[in-house]
Amino acid sequence: MDRMIYIGMSGAKQALEQQASVANNMANVSTPGFRAQINNFRAVPVIGDEVATRAMVIATTPGADMRSGPLMPTGRSLDVAIRGDGWLTIQMPDGSEAYTRVGNLQVGAEGQLLTMDSRPLVGDAGPMVVPPGSALVIAGDGVVTALGAGDPLVGASEVGRLKLVNPAAADLVRGDDGIFRMRAGAAAPQVDPNVRLLSGTLEGSNVNPVEVMVDMIGNARRFEMQMKTLHTAESNDQVANKLLSTG
């Protein structure tokens, strides 16, 4: 009965772990620019000194759903959404570059252009800094223009251009913080002039709440099925013990 018990135990454990990932998708159904995590199961052999007759199941997250989320007009000048494919470039604390679709921006105390979680936006010449107290206009090609109080739009000061990139989806790896980085060995992406922004708009999460709810119910049913397998194995063991004791 050990094979049945092992299959039921590993299956129940991985169903619970996948349920946590699905629950994270559900929790981010309203997070701007969020990319849903894809979940799957795969069977792997148990490696050991014994004959390779055992296998276990592992819950895997092979990647993220790269479909675009819905565009939501906000009217806020520092809200930007990428139309179609592409990414905003941000700088991480260690100085490396990472990529996000979250476009609700803010200006830091020292004039840095930041995401809402305080990560600096990268421009042509590094992290972007804007004049304090200025009003910003972000064009479709990523050019950031600063306007002083009462200044006309014509002849306004150009601060810089946001670094907009479009690496292949296969080269991107999602971190536990929800931010994407290039996979090991992949070259850093160059600026892509075809990536366009839409100002005054935010991209919503691409999580479909109905699909996620169905996934949560399916995981719960799989867990119940594996637990039933364990109970069945226990009952079979008890019957076998009785037969042996009466023999």
Foldseek 3Di string as FASTA:
>chain_A
DVQLLQALVQLLVQLVVVLVLLVVLLVQQFPFQFWRFDKDKDKDFDDDPDDRPHIGIHIDGPATHPDFFDKAFAQDQQFKAWDDAKWWWWADPVRDIWTTRFRNWDADPQQWIAGPVRTFTAFPVGGFGDDPPWDWHAFFQQWIFTHHVPRDPPPTHTRGGTQMFGDDRVQWDADPVSIIDGPPPDDDTHRDSVITMDGSMTTGYPRDNVVSVVSSVVSVVSSVVSVVSNVVVVVVVVVVVVVVVVD
